[in-house]
Amino acid sequence: MPKVTIDGITVEVEPGTTILNAARQIGGDVVPPAMCYYSKLKGSGGKCRVCLVEISKGSDANPNPMPKLQASCCTPVMDGMEVKNMTSPKVQDMRKGVVEFLLINHPLDCPICDQAGECDLQNLGFKYGAEGTRYQEGRRTFDRIDIGDKIQLHMTRCILCYRCTYVADQLTDHRDHGIMNRGDASEISTYIQHAVENDFSGNMIDVCPVGALTDKTARFKSRVWFLKPYDAHRECTKCSGKVNLWAFGNEVYRVTARKDDYHEVESFICNECRFEHKNKADWTIEGPRKMEKWSVINQGKYMKAKEEVKIDTDKFLLVGREEDRNRLSMIAPEKTKK
């Protein structure tokens, strides 16, 4: 089995494994980000370019470095290959440039976008984005269209990752939408706004890395960090029935498929589970969903008990600023009289 070294960590993988999946076996910061690749969708990858890495050694048979950065999602591992991701300044500069290109036409409407708080592009923007933009031309704009009674398309947010088209190709018996036009006029659309109607169309919402495809039954109802996510399941003849319920109190706001550490769906779910069962009584609750430490959802402290914060007022009076001491005198006047 070939061995590959990524950022100084060596791992042994199956033949044909890509650099990205080899990095996922290691885990942590070694894993390159991915906006278009989806392990469960055949043919995905190679479009967004955020997963480019530097190959400093091709293999034991050919130790020469590759002159250009390579897409880790579609480059297979060779025995003895050495790869740089986080340890390469060239890769970090490239990733900043790719994020800048992705944000050129993006409307940056995070304050009103339903994807805010669980958006891969938002995460990349915080990590690699610049404070300002050098782009002076007008952004491309599209009208919002309904592609069914449950899904709305915001093409202005789309980064053309093609994931939603792969979902329709591989999960359903026919596809009603695709890429229209060419170049900077390319857009996801349907023929004369024909409705997308099949039992698994809702999975397009889950695989979309931005807020281009949104759930009309949950739009603008609540921010994701105000909701409490639960792992739940039900008996379903169409899919696995394993989902995440997003609830506020006893009210279920939305239902989504469960996702792994790389924001990929563990098992696709049907539209009946997603849209027609918004009652907790329809589900068997397994427990709270475990979120990533950095997730904005986790900032609500849903996954851990709050600890009482105690202030040493005596020490505070000695080292605190004058305005802080005045504020403390209103809270604990007995301390300030000493």
C-alpha atoms as a PDB file:
ATOM      1  CA  MET A   1       0.000   0.000   0.000  1.00  0.00           C
ATOM      2  CA  PRO A   2       1.383   3.442  -0.903  1.00  0.00           C
ATOM      3  CA  LYS A   3       2.592   5.792   1.800  1.00  0.00           C
ATOM      4  CA  VAL A   4       2.188   9.551   1.592  1.00  0.00           C
ATOM      5  CA  THR A   5       3.534  12.262   3.881  1.00  0.00           C
ATOM      6  CA  ILE A   6       1.336  15.336   4.376  1.00  0.00           C
ATOM      7  CA  ASP A   7       2.734  18.227   6.425  1.00  0.00           C
ATOM      8  CA  GLY A   8       5.285  15.852   7.937  1.00  0.00           C
ATOM      9  CA  ILE A   9       2.732  13.166   8.918  1.00  0.00           C
ATOM     10  CA  THR A  10       2.951   9.824   7.097  1.00  0.00           C
ATOM     11  CA  VAL A  11      -0.082   7.655   6.433  1.00  0.00           C
ATOM     12  CA  GLU A  12      -0.586   4.396   4.533  1.00  0.00           C
ATOM     13  CA  VAL A  13      -3.609   4.322   2.218  1.00  0.00           C
ATOM     14  CA  GLU A  14      -5.317   2.131  -0.334  1.00  0.00           C
ATOM     15  CA  PRO A  15      -4.132   2.413  -3.977  1.00  0.00           C
ATOM     16  CA  GLY A  16      -6.091   5.059  -5.872  1.00  0.00           C
ATOM     17  CA  THR A  17      -6.817   7.168  -2.776  1.00  0.00           C
ATOM     18  CA  THR A  18      -6.707  10.905  -3.439  1.00  0.00           C
ATOM     19  CA  ILE A  19      -4.543  13.284  -1.440  1.00  0.00           C
ATOM     20  CA  LEU A  20      -7.650  14.855   0.108  1.00  0.00           C
ATOM     21  CA  ASN A  21      -9.003  11.540   1.378  1.00  0.00           C
ATOM     22  CA  ALA A  22      -5.532  10.559   2.628  1.00  0.00           C
ATOM     23  CA  ALA A  23      -5.445  13.818   4.592  1.00  0.00           C
ATOM     24  CA  ARG A  24      -8.891  13.047   6.008  1.00  0.00           C
ATOM     25  CA  GLN A  25      -7.505   9.812   7.414  1.00  0.00           C
ATOM     26  CA  ILE A  26      -4.986  11.932   9.337  1.00  0.00           C
ATOM     27  CA  GLY A  27      -7.502  14.606  10.334  1.00  0.00           C
ATOM     28  CA  GLY A  28      -7.014  18.019  11.903  1.00  0.00           C
ATOM     29  CA  ASP A  29      -5.558  21.042  10.117  1.00  0.00           C
ATOM     30  CA  VAL A  30      -3.794  18.764   7.638  1.00  0.00           C
ATOM     31  CA  VAL A  31      -7.095  18.347   5.739  1.00  0.00           C
ATOM     32  CA  PRO A  32      -7.507  20.853   2.856  1.00  0.00           C
ATOM     33  CA  PRO A  33     -10.897  22.576   2.583  1.00  0.00           C
ATOM     34  CA  ALA A  34     -13.289  21.497  -0.192  1.00  0.00           C
ATOM     35  CA  MET A  35     -16.225  23.410  -1.637  1.00  0.00           C
ATOM     36  CA  CYS A  36     -17.110  21.255  -4.652  1.00  0.00           C
ATOM     37  CA  TYR A  37     -15.835  17.753  -3.809  1.00  0.00           C
ATOM     38  CA  TYR A  38     -18.338  15.388  -2.184  1.00  0.00           C
ATOM     39  CA  SER A  39     -17.216  11.836  -1.458  1.00  0.00           C
ATOM     40  CA  LYS A  40     -20.706  10.377  -1.988  1.00  0.00           C
ATOM     41  CA  LEU A  41     -21.256  12.067  -5.377  1.00  0.00           C
ATOM     42  CA  LYS A  42     -19.350  10.516  -8.288  1.00  0.00           C
ATOM     43  CA  GLY A  43     -17.649  12.996 -10.588  1.00  0.00           C
ATOM     44  CA  SER A  44     -17.550  15.838  -8.062  1.00  0.00           C
ATOM     45  CA  GLY A  45     -14.374  17.812  -7.421  1.00  0.00           C
ATOM     46  CA  GLY A  46     -11.836  19.822  -9.382  1.00  0.00           C
ATOM     47  CA  LYS A  47     -13.945  22.985  -9.756  1.00  0.00           C
ATOM     48  CA  CYS A  48     -13.564  25.270  -6.748  1.00  0.00           C
ATOM     49  CA  ARG A  49      -9.730  24.988  -6.454  1.00  0.00           C
ATOM     50  CA  VAL A  50      -9.596  25.711  -2.714  1.00  0.00           C
ATOM     51  CA  CYS A  51      -8.094  22.270  -2.056  1.00  0.00           C
ATOM     52  CA  LEU A  52      -4.907  22.884  -4.073  1.00  0.00           C
ATOM     53  CA  VAL A  53      -1.733  21.606  -2.382  1.00  0.00           C
ATOM     54  CA  GLU A  54       1.984  21.678  -3.060  1.00  0.00           C
ATOM     55  CA  ILE A  55       3.588  18.346  -3.983  1.00  0.00           C
ATOM     56  CA  SER A  56       7.251  18.691  -3.016  1.00  0.00           C
ATOM     57  CA  LYS A  57       8.072  15.086  -3.977  1.00  0.00           C
ATOM     58  CA  GLY A  58       6.168  13.160  -6.630  1.00  0.00           C
ATOM     59  CA  SER A  59       7.071   9.649  -5.455  1.00  0.00           C
ATOM     60  CA  ASP A  60      10.020   7.420  -4.613  1.00  0.00           C
ATOM     61  CA  ALA A  61      10.252   6.481  -8.294  1.00  0.00           C
ATOM     62  CA  ASN A  62      10.159  10.133  -9.400  1.00  0.00           C
ATOM     63  CA  PRO A  63      11.238  12.405  -6.530  1.00  0.00           C
ATOM     64  CA  ASN A  64      10.929  15.627  -8.547  1.00  0.00           C
ATOM     65  CA  PRO A  65       8.420  18.173  -7.222  1.00  0.00           C
ATOM     66  CA  MET A  66       5.420  19.058  -9.324  1.00  0.00           C
ATOM     67  CA  PRO A  67       5.867  22.539 -10.800  1.00  0.00           C
ATOM     68  CA  LYS A  68       2.268  23.622 -10.175  1.00  0.00           C
ATOM     69  CA  LEU A  69      -0.129  23.248  -7.281  1.00  0.00           C
ATOM     70  CA  GLN A  70      -2.453  20.271  -7.669  1.00  0.00           C
ATOM     71  CA  ALA A  71      -6.095  19.737  -6.723  1.00  0.00           C
ATOM     72  CA  SER A  72      -5.941  17.319  -3.799  1.00  0.00           C
ATOM     73  CA  CYS A  73      -9.502  16.066  -4.406  1.00  0.00           C
ATOM     74  CA  CYS A  74      -8.646  14.470  -7.751  1.00  0.00           C
ATOM     75  CA  THR A  75      -4.902  13.750  -7.509  1.00  0.00           C
ATOM     76  CA  PRO A  76      -4.149  10.128  -6.534  1.00  0.00           C
ATOM     77  CA  VAL A  77      -1.462   9.300  -4.008  1.00  0.00           C
ATOM     78  CA  MET A  78       1.844   7.785  -5.190  1.00  0.00           C
ATOM     79  CA  ASP A  79       4.143   5.753  -2.953  1.00  0.00           C
ATOM     80  CA  GLY A  80       6.629   8.068  -1.254  1.00  0.00           C
ATOM     81  CA  MET A  81       4.775  11.251  -2.193  1.00  0.00           C
ATOM     82  CA  GLU A  82       5.338  14.298   0.016  1.00  0.00           C
ATOM     83  CA  VAL A  83       2.660  16.976   0.196  1.00  0.00           C
ATOM     84  CA  LYS A  84       2.544  20.405   1.831  1.00  0.00           C
ATOM     85  CA  ASN A  85      -0.739  22.002   2.830  1.00  0.00           C
ATOM     86  CA  MET A  86      -0.673  24.220   5.927  1.00  0.00           C
ATOM     87  CA  THR A  87       3.160  24.277   5.897  1.00  0.00           C
ATOM     88  CA  SER A  88       3.339  25.814   2.409  1.00  0.00           C
ATOM     89  CA  PRO A  89       3.225  29.648   2.115  1.00  0.00           C
ATOM     90  CA  LYS A  90       2.495  29.193  -1.584  1.00  0.00           C
ATOM     91  CA  VAL A  91      -0.663  27.215  -0.795  1.00  0.00           C
ATOM     92  CA  GLN A  92      -1.857  29.773   1.762  1.00  0.00           C
ATOM     93  CA  ASP A  93      -1.393  32.651  -0.701  1.00  0.00           C
ATOM     94  CA  MET A  94      -3.182  30.682  -3.397  1.00  0.00           C
ATOM     95  CA  ARG A  95      -6.103  29.918  -1.095  1.00  0.00           C
ATOM     96  CA  LYS A  96      -6.507  33.601  -0.256  1.00  0.00           C
ATOM     97  CA  GLY A  97      -6.639  34.349  -3.979  1.00  0.00           C
ATOM     98  CA  VAL A  98      -9.233  31.644  -4.658  1.00  0.00           C
ATOM     99  CA  VAL A  99     -11.439  32.915  -1.819  1.00  0.00           C
ATOM    100  CA  GLU A 100     -11.171  36.421  -3.279  1.00  0.00           C
ATOM    101  CA  PHE A 101     -12.378  35.090  -6.642  1.00  0.00           C
ATOM    102  CA  LEU A 102     -15.248  33.177  -5.023  1.00  0.00           C
ATOM    103  CA  LEU A 103     -16.376  36.337  -3.247  1.00  0.00           C
ATOM    104  CA  ILE A 104     -16.209  38.573  -6.343  1.00  0.00           C
ATOM    105  CA  ASN A 105     -19.830  37.938  -7.332  1.00  0.00           C
ATOM    106  CA  HIS A 106     -21.089  36.734  -3.971  1.00  0.00           C
ATOM    107  CA  PRO A 107     -23.575  39.244  -2.495  1.00  0.00           C
ATOM    108  CA  LEU A 108     -22.154  39.000   1.065  1.00  0.00           C
ATOM    109  CA  ASP A 109     -25.666  39.014   2.486  1.00  0.00           C
ATOM    110  CA  CYS A 110     -24.784  36.884   5.519  1.00  0.00           C
ATOM    111  CA  PRO A 111     -27.029  38.977   7.839  1.00  0.00           C
ATOM    112  CA  ILE A 112     -30.139  37.778   5.961  1.00  0.00           C
ATOM    113  CA  CYS A 113     -28.908  34.439   4.563  1.00  0.00           C
ATOM    114  CA  ASP A 114     -30.342  31.252   6.079  1.00  0.00           C
ATOM    115  CA  GLN A 115     -27.002  29.494   5.560  1.00  0.00           C
ATOM    116  CA  ALA A 116     -25.186  31.873   7.939  1.00  0.00           C
ATOM    117  CA  GLY A 117     -23.568  29.977  10.786  1.00  0.00           C
ATOM    118  CA  GLU A 118     -23.083  26.743   8.821  1.00  0.00           C
ATOM    119  CA  CYS A 119     -21.698  28.074   5.520  1.00  0.00           C
ATOM    120  CA  ASP A 120     -18.413  26.693   4.178  1.00  0.00           C
ATOM    121  CA  LEU A 121     -17.733  29.872   2.196  1.00  0.00           C
ATOM    122  CA  GLN A 122     -18.337  31.964   5.308  1.00  0.00           C
ATOM    123  CA  ASN A 123     -15.775  29.873   7.196  1.00  0.00           C
ATOM    124  CA  LEU A 124     -13.246  30.257   4.371  1.00  0.00           C
ATOM    125  CA  GLY A 125     -13.927  33.979   4.222  1.00  0.00           C
ATOM    126  CA  PHE A 126     -13.152  34.393   7.915  1.00  0.00           C
ATOM    127  CA  LYS A 127      -9.961  32.342   7.602  1.00  0.00           C
ATOM    128  CA  TYR A 128      -8.545  33.553   4.284  1.00  0.00           C
ATOM    129  CA  GLY A 129     -10.630  36.550   3.217  1.00  0.00           C
ATOM    130  CA  ALA A 130      -9.389  40.142   2.984  1.00  0.00           C
ATOM    131  CA  GLU A 131     -10.994  43.137   4.666  1.00  0.00           C
ATOM    132  CA  GLY A 132     -11.674  44.891   1.362  1.00  0.00           C
ATOM    133  CA  THR A 133     -12.135  43.991  -2.285  1.00  0.00           C
ATOM    134  CA  ARG A 134     -10.111  45.084  -5.316  1.00  0.00           C
ATOM    135  CA  TYR A 135     -12.977  44.295  -7.660  1.00  0.00           C
ATOM    136  CA  GLN A 136     -14.547  47.434  -9.143  1.00  0.00           C
ATOM    137  CA  GLU A 137     -16.833  46.015 -11.822  1.00  0.00           C
ATOM    138  CA  GLY A 138     -20.507  45.349 -11.192  1.00  0.00           C
ATOM    139  CA  ARG A 139     -21.503  42.030  -9.673  1.00  0.00           C
ATOM    140  CA  ARG A 140     -23.650  39.666 -11.681  1.00  0.00           C
ATOM    141  CA  THR A 141     -27.231  39.462 -10.490  1.00  0.00           C
ATOM    142  CA  PHE A 142     -30.084  37.009 -11.035  1.00  0.00           C
ATOM    143  CA  ASP A 143     -33.731  36.932 -10.084  1.00  0.00           C
ATOM    144  CA  ARG A 144     -34.806  34.531  -7.344  1.00  0.00           C
ATOM    145  CA  ILE A 145     -36.739  31.603  -8.729  1.00  0.00           C
ATOM    146  CA  ASP A 146     -38.724  28.772  -7.190  1.00  0.00           C
ATOM    147  CA  ILE A 147     -37.645  25.323  -8.347  1.00  0.00           C
ATOM    148  CA  GLY A 148     -40.499  23.579  -6.629  1.00  0.00           C
ATOM    149  CA  ASP A 149     -42.819  24.408  -3.770  1.00  0.00           C
ATOM    150  CA  LYS A 150     -40.163  23.604  -1.142  1.00  0.00           C
ATOM    151  CA  ILE A 151     -36.908  24.988  -2.629  1.00  0.00           C
ATOM    152  CA  GLN A 152     -35.885  28.503  -3.616  1.00  0.00           C
ATOM    153  CA  LEU A 153     -32.810  29.271  -5.721  1.00  0.00           C
ATOM    154  CA  HIS A 154     -30.650  32.358  -5.078  1.00  0.00           C
ATOM    155  CA  MET A 155     -28.318  32.207  -8.061  1.00  0.00           C
ATOM    156  CA  THR A 156     -26.438  35.319  -6.898  1.00  0.00           C
ATOM    157  CA  ARG A 157     -24.952  33.219  -4.065  1.00  0.00           C
ATOM    158  CA  CYS A 158     -24.057  30.212  -6.228  1.00  0.00           C
ATOM    159  CA  ILE A 159     -20.386  29.300  -6.769  1.00  0.00           C
ATOM    160  CA  LEU A 160     -21.157  26.683  -9.469  1.00  0.00           C
ATOM    161  CA  CYS A 161     -19.866  23.695  -7.520  1.00  0.00           C
ATOM    162  CA  TYR A 162     -22.282  21.391  -9.460  1.00  0.00           C
ATOM    163  CA  ARG A 163     -23.166  19.378  -6.335  1.00  0.00           C
ATOM    164  CA  CYS A 164     -26.906  19.852  -6.755  1.00  0.00           C
ATOM    165  CA  THR A 165     -26.802  18.567 -10.340  1.00  0.00           C
ATOM    166  CA  TYR A 166     -24.937  15.443  -9.211  1.00  0.00           C
ATOM    167  CA  VAL A 167     -27.616  14.847  -6.564  1.00  0.00           C
ATOM    168  CA  ALA A 168     -30.313  14.941  -9.258  1.00  0.00           C
ATOM    169  CA  ASP A 169     -28.292  12.696 -11.582  1.00  0.00           C
ATOM    170  CA  GLN A 170     -27.408  10.057  -9.022  1.00  0.00           C
ATOM    171  CA  LEU A 171     -30.313  10.008  -6.556  1.00  0.00           C
ATOM    172  CA  THR A 172     -33.314  10.447  -8.839  1.00  0.00           C
ATOM    173  CA  ASP A 173     -34.594   8.910 -12.062  1.00  0.00           C
ATOM    174  CA  HIS A 174     -34.478  12.202 -13.981  1.00  0.00           C
ATOM    175  CA  ARG A 175     -33.036  15.686 -13.745  1.00  0.00           C
ATOM    176  CA  ASP A 176     -34.987  18.889 -14.347  1.00  0.00           C
ATOM    177  CA  HIS A 177     -32.221  21.429 -13.743  1.00  0.00           C
ATOM    178  CA  GLY A 178     -28.648  22.044 -14.801  1.00  0.00           C
ATOM    179  CA  ILE A 179     -26.086  24.615 -15.960  1.00  0.00           C
ATOM    180  CA  MET A 180     -27.451  27.129 -18.418  1.00  0.00           C
ATOM    181  CA  ASN A 181     -25.297  29.397 -20.654  1.00  0.00           C
ATOM    182  CA  ARG A 182     -21.513  29.680 -20.571  1.00  0.00           C
ATOM    183  CA  GLY A 183     -18.675  31.653 -18.996  1.00  0.00           C
ATOM    184  CA  ASP A 184     -19.627  34.365 -16.530  1.00  0.00           C
ATOM    185  CA  ALA A 185     -23.249  33.994 -17.646  1.00  0.00           C
ATOM    186  CA  SER A 186     -23.442  30.384 -16.403  1.00  0.00           C
ATOM    187  CA  GLU A 187     -26.217  29.693 -13.939  1.00  0.00           C
ATOM    188  CA  ILE A 188     -28.088  26.856 -12.264  1.00  0.00           C
ATOM    189  CA  SER A 189     -31.646  26.875 -13.545  1.00  0.00           C
ATOM    190  CA  THR A 190     -34.557  24.828 -14.869  1.00  0.00           C
ATOM    191  CA  TYR A 191     -36.151  24.913 -18.295  1.00  0.00           C
ATOM    192  CA  ILE A 192     -38.668  27.797 -18.170  1.00  0.00           C
ATOM    193  CA  GLN A 193     -38.586  27.513 -14.358  1.00  0.00           C
ATOM    194  CA  HIS A 194     -39.882  23.963 -14.434  1.00  0.00           C
ATOM    195  CA  ALA A 195     -40.433  22.603 -10.930  1.00  0.00           C
ATOM    196  CA  VAL A 196     -38.011  20.036  -9.549  1.00  0.00           C
ATOM    197  CA  GLU A 197     -40.289  17.310  -8.253  1.00  0.00           C
ATOM    198  CA  ASN A 198     -38.842  14.056  -6.973  1.00  0.00           C
ATOM    199  CA  ASP A 199     -38.584  12.294  -3.632  1.00  0.00           C
ATOM    200  CA  PHE A 200     -34.958  13.255  -2.997  1.00  0.00           C
ATOM    201  CA  SER A 201     -34.778  16.801  -4.375  1.00  0.00           C
ATOM    202  CA  GLY A 202     -34.381  18.250  -0.873  1.00  0.00           C
ATOM    203  CA  ASN A 203     -30.867  16.823  -0.681  1.00  0.00           C
ATOM    204  CA  MET A 204     -29.776  19.609  -3.024  1.00  0.00           C
ATOM    205  CA  ILE A 205     -30.206  21.926  -0.032  1.00  0.00           C
ATOM    206  CA  ASP A 206     -27.920  19.832   2.178  1.00  0.00           C
ATOM    207  CA  VAL A 207     -25.078  19.498  -0.338  1.00  0.00           C
ATOM    208  CA  CYS A 208     -25.040  23.195  -1.321  1.00  0.00           C
ATOM    209  CA  PRO A 209     -21.971  24.734   0.399  1.00  0.00           C
ATOM    210  CA  VAL A 210     -23.465  28.243   0.322  1.00  0.00           C
ATOM    211  CA  GLY A 211     -26.987  29.655   0.639  1.00  0.00           C
ATOM    212  CA  ALA A 212     -27.934  29.310  -3.033  1.00  0.00           C
ATOM    213  CA  LEU A 213     -30.539  26.598  -2.357  1.00  0.00           C
ATOM    214  CA  THR A 214     -32.688  27.124   0.719  1.00  0.00           C
ATOM    215  CA  ASP A 215     -35.588  25.362   2.416  1.00  0.00           C
ATOM    216  CA  LYS A 216     -38.708  27.479   1.844  1.00  0.00           C
ATOM    217  CA  THR A 217     -40.476  25.833   4.802  1.00  0.00           C
ATOM    218  CA  ALA A 218     -37.803  27.167   7.191  1.00  0.00           C
ATOM    219  CA  ARG A 219     -36.698  30.409   5.531  1.00  0.00           C
ATOM    220  CA  PHE A 220     -36.270  33.396   7.861  1.00  0.00           C
ATOM    221  CA  LYS A 221     -37.885  31.569  10.793  1.00  0.00           C
ATOM    222  CA  SER A 222     -34.820  31.432  13.050  1.00  0.00           C
ATOM    223  CA  ARG A 223     -31.059  31.717  13.098  1.00  0.00           C
ATOM    224  CA  VAL A 224     -29.349  28.348  13.295  1.00  0.00           C
ATOM    225  CA  TRP A 225     -27.562  29.181  16.560  1.00  0.00           C
ATOM    226  CA  PHE A 226     -30.883  29.786  18.312  1.00  0.00           C
ATOM    227  CA  LEU A 227     -32.024  26.233  17.535  1.00  0.00           C
ATOM    228  CA  LYS A 228     -31.092  23.077  19.370  1.00  0.00           C
ATOM    229  CA  PRO A 229     -30.080  20.188  17.063  1.00  0.00           C
ATOM    230  CA  TYR A 230     -31.029  16.605  17.910  1.00  0.00           C
ATOM    231  CA  ASP A 231     -30.141  13.263  16.361  1.00  0.00           C
ATOM    232  CA  ALA A 232     -33.406  11.497  15.586  1.00  0.00           C
ATOM    233  CA  HIS A 233     -34.822   8.690  13.448  1.00  0.00           C
ATOM    234  CA  ARG A 234     -38.096   7.210  12.260  1.00  0.00           C
ATOM    235  CA  GLU A 235     -39.217   4.166  10.316  1.00  0.00           C
ATOM    236  CA  CYS A 236     -39.195   5.160   6.644  1.00  0.00           C
ATOM    237  CA  THR A 237     -39.649   2.966   3.566  1.00  0.00           C
ATOM    238  CA  LYS A 238     -37.860   5.411   1.258  1.00  0.00           C
ATOM    239  CA  CYS A 239     -34.667   6.281   3.149  1.00  0.00           C
ATOM    240  CA  SER A 240     -32.716   5.515   6.323  1.00  0.00           C
ATOM    241  CA  GLY A 241     -34.891   7.914   8.352  1.00  0.00           C
ATOM    242  CA  LYS A 242     -31.822   9.158  10.275  1.00  0.00           C
ATOM    243  CA  VAL A 243     -31.915  12.948  10.525  1.00  0.00           C
ATOM    244  CA  ASN A 244     -31.100  16.043  12.542  1.00  0.00           C
ATOM    245  CA  LEU A 245     -34.047  17.889  14.036  1.00  0.00           C
ATOM    246  CA  TRP A 246     -33.561  21.628  14.585  1.00  0.00           C
ATOM    247  CA  ALA A 247     -35.960  22.680  17.334  1.00  0.00           C
ATOM    248  CA  PHE A 248     -36.752  25.628  19.541  1.00  0.00           C
ATOM    249  CA  GLY A 249     -38.470  24.231  22.586  1.00  0.00           C
ATOM    250  CA  ASN A 250     -40.966  21.668  21.317  1.00  0.00           C
ATOM    251  CA  GLU A 251     -41.330  23.249  17.876  1.00  0.00           C
ATOM    252  CA  VAL A 252     -39.339  21.687  15.020  1.00  0.00           C
ATOM    253  CA  TYR A 253     -38.214  24.379  12.577  1.00  0.00           C
ATOM    254  CA  ARG A 254     -36.453  22.180  10.040  1.00  0.00           C
ATOM    255  CA  VAL A 255     -35.202  18.663   9.341  1.00  0.00           C
ATOM    256  CA  THR A 256     -31.845  17.950   7.666  1.00  0.00           C
ATOM    257  CA  ALA A 257     -29.718  14.929   6.877  1.00  0.00           C
ATOM    258  CA  ARG A 258     -26.952  14.060   9.326  1.00  0.00           C
ATOM    259  CA  LYS A 259     -23.499  15.311   8.335  1.00  0.00           C
ATOM    260  CA  ASP A 260     -19.985  14.151   9.202  1.00  0.00           C
ATOM    261  CA  ASP A 261     -16.946  16.166  10.284  1.00  0.00           C
ATOM    262  CA  TYR A 262     -16.418  17.370   6.709  1.00  0.00           C
ATOM    263  CA  HIS A 263     -20.009  18.622   6.328  1.00  0.00           C
ATOM    264  CA  GLU A 264     -20.923  15.745   4.018  1.00  0.00           C
ATOM    265  CA  VAL A 265     -24.249  13.925   4.324  1.00  0.00           C
ATOM    266  CA  GLU A 266     -23.932  10.542   6.022  1.00  0.00           C
ATOM    267  CA  SER A 267     -27.059   9.171   4.307  1.00  0.00           C
ATOM    268  CA  PHE A 268     -29.451  11.015   2.014  1.00  0.00           C
ATOM    269  CA  ILE A 269     -33.043  11.409   3.188  1.00  0.00           C
ATOM    270  CA  CYS A 270     -36.355  11.639   1.346  1.00  0.00           C
ATOM    271  CA  ASN A 271     -38.594  14.686   1.044  1.00  0.00           C
ATOM    272  CA  GLU A 272     -41.257  13.100   3.236  1.00  0.00           C
ATOM    273  CA  CYS A 273     -38.883  12.973   6.202  1.00  0.00           C
ATOM    274  CA  ARG A 274     -37.520  16.427   5.440  1.00  0.00           C
ATOM    275  CA  PHE A 275     -40.665  18.459   4.803  1.00  0.00           C
ATOM    276  CA  GLU A 276     -43.704  16.557   6.096  1.00  0.00           C
ATOM    277  CA  HIS A 277     -42.692  15.543   9.622  1.00  0.00           C
ATOM    278  CA  LYS A 278     -42.177  18.710  11.663  1.00  0.00           C
ATOM    279  CA  ASN A 279     -43.582  17.204  14.858  1.00  0.00           C
ATOM    280  CA  LYS A 280     -41.332  15.801  17.583  1.00  0.00           C
ATOM    281  CA  ALA A 281     -43.873  13.042  18.196  1.00  0.00           C
ATOM    282  CA  ASP A 282     -43.088  11.647  14.728  1.00  0.00           C
ATOM    283  CA  TRP A 283     -39.471  10.976  15.699  1.00  0.00           C
ATOM    284  CA  THR A 284     -37.440   8.947  18.154  1.00  0.00           C
ATOM    285  CA  ILE A 285     -35.003  11.418  19.739  1.00  0.00           C
ATOM    286  CA  GLU A 286     -31.541   9.911  20.264  1.00  0.00           C
ATOM    287  CA  GLY A 287     -29.966  12.941  21.953  1.00  0.00           C
ATOM    288  CA  PRO A 288     -28.341  16.308  21.219  1.00  0.00           C
ATOM    289  CA  ARG A 289     -26.200  16.497  18.119  1.00  0.00           C
ATOM    290  CA  LYS A 290     -22.501  16.984  18.864  1.00  0.00           C
ATOM    291  CA  MET A 291     -21.152  20.097  17.125  1.00  0.00           C
ATOM    292  CA  GLU A 292     -17.606  21.110  16.233  1.00  0.00           C
ATOM    293  CA  LYS A 293     -15.818  23.193  18.869  1.00  0.00           C
ATOM    294  CA  TRP A 294     -15.528  26.167  16.511  1.00  0.00           C
ATOM    295  CA  SER A 295     -19.141  26.052  15.355  1.00  0.00           C
ATOM    296  CA  VAL A 296     -21.225  29.159  15.946  1.00  0.00           C
ATOM    297  CA  ILE A 297     -24.019  26.785  16.983  1.00  0.00           C
ATOM    298  CA  ASN A 298     -21.844  25.536  19.824  1.00  0.00           C
ATOM    299  CA  GLN A 299     -21.363  29.085  21.092  1.00  0.00           C
ATOM    300  CA  GLY A 300     -24.827  28.807  22.613  1.00  0.00           C
ATOM    301  CA  LYS A 301     -23.246  26.435  25.163  1.00  0.00           C
ATOM    302  CA  TYR A 302     -25.851  23.782  24.386  1.00  0.00           C
ATOM    303  CA  MET A 303     -23.322  20.959  24.656  1.00  0.00           C
ATOM    304  CA  LYS A 304     -21.725  21.819  27.982  1.00  0.00           C
ATOM    305  CA  ALA A 305     -22.824  23.078  31.365  1.00  0.00           C
ATOM    306  CA  LYS A 306     -22.201  26.707  32.200  1.00  0.00           C
ATOM    307  CA  GLU A 307     -19.816  27.459  35.036  1.00  0.00           C
ATOM    308  CA  GLU A 308     -20.412  30.265  37.497  1.00  0.00           C
ATOM    309  CA  VAL A 309     -17.903  33.081  37.082  1.00  0.00           C
ATOM    310  CA  LYS A 310     -16.579  34.534  40.330  1.00  0.00           C
ATOM    311  CA  ILE A 311     -14.750  37.859  40.503  1.00  0.00           C
ATOM    312  CA  ASP A 312     -12.103  38.560  43.118  1.00  0.00           C
ATOM    313  CA  THR A 313     -13.416  42.021  43.992  1.00  0.00           C
ATOM    314  CA  ASP A 314     -10.547  42.810  46.385  1.00  0.00           C
ATOM    315  CA  LYS A 315      -7.966  42.232  43.666  1.00  0.00           C
ATOM    316  CA  PHE A 316     -10.177  43.976  41.139  1.00  0.00           C
ATOM    317  CA  LEU A 317     -10.237  47.160  43.234  1.00  0.00           C
ATOM    318  CA  LEU A 318      -6.448  47.255  43.348  1.00  0.00           C
ATOM    319  CA  VAL A 319      -5.702  46.761  39.639  1.00  0.00           C
ATOM    320  CA  GLY A 320      -8.941  47.846  37.947  1.00  0.00           C
ATOM    321  CA  ARG A 321      -9.413  51.046  36.004  1.00  0.00           C
ATOM    322  CA  GLU A 322     -11.142  53.999  37.643  1.00  0.00           C
ATOM    323  CA  GLU A 323     -14.319  53.620  35.576  1.00  0.00           C
ATOM    324  CA  ASP A 324     -14.421  49.904  36.461  1.00  0.00           C
ATOM    325  CA  ARG A 325     -14.092  50.697  40.156  1.00  0.00           C
ATOM    326  CA  ASN A 326     -16.957  53.173  39.893  1.00  0.00           C
ATOM    327  CA  ARG A 327     -19.078  50.514  38.200  1.00  0.00           C
ATOM    328  CA  LEU A 328     -18.196  48.012  40.924  1.00  0.00           C
ATOM    329  CA  SER A 329     -19.225  50.493  43.625  1.00  0.00           C
ATOM    330  CA  MET A 330     -22.765  50.253  42.301  1.00  0.00           C
ATOM    331  CA  ILE A 331     -22.702  46.440  42.392  1.00  0.00           C
ATOM    332  CA  ALA A 332     -20.791  45.843  45.632  1.00  0.00           C
ATOM    333  CA  PRO A 333     -20.698  49.088  47.643  1.00  0.00           C
ATOM    334  CA  GLU A 334     -19.479  47.292  50.746  1.00  0.00           C
ATOM    335  CA  LYS A 335     -16.228  46.474  48.948  1.00  0.00           C
ATOM    336  CA  THR A 336     -15.507  50.014  47.864  1.00  0.00           C
ATOM    337  CA  LYS A 337     -15.950  51.438  51.381  1.00  0.00           C
ATOM    338  CA  LYS A 338     -12.813  49.662  52.623  1.00  0.00           C
END
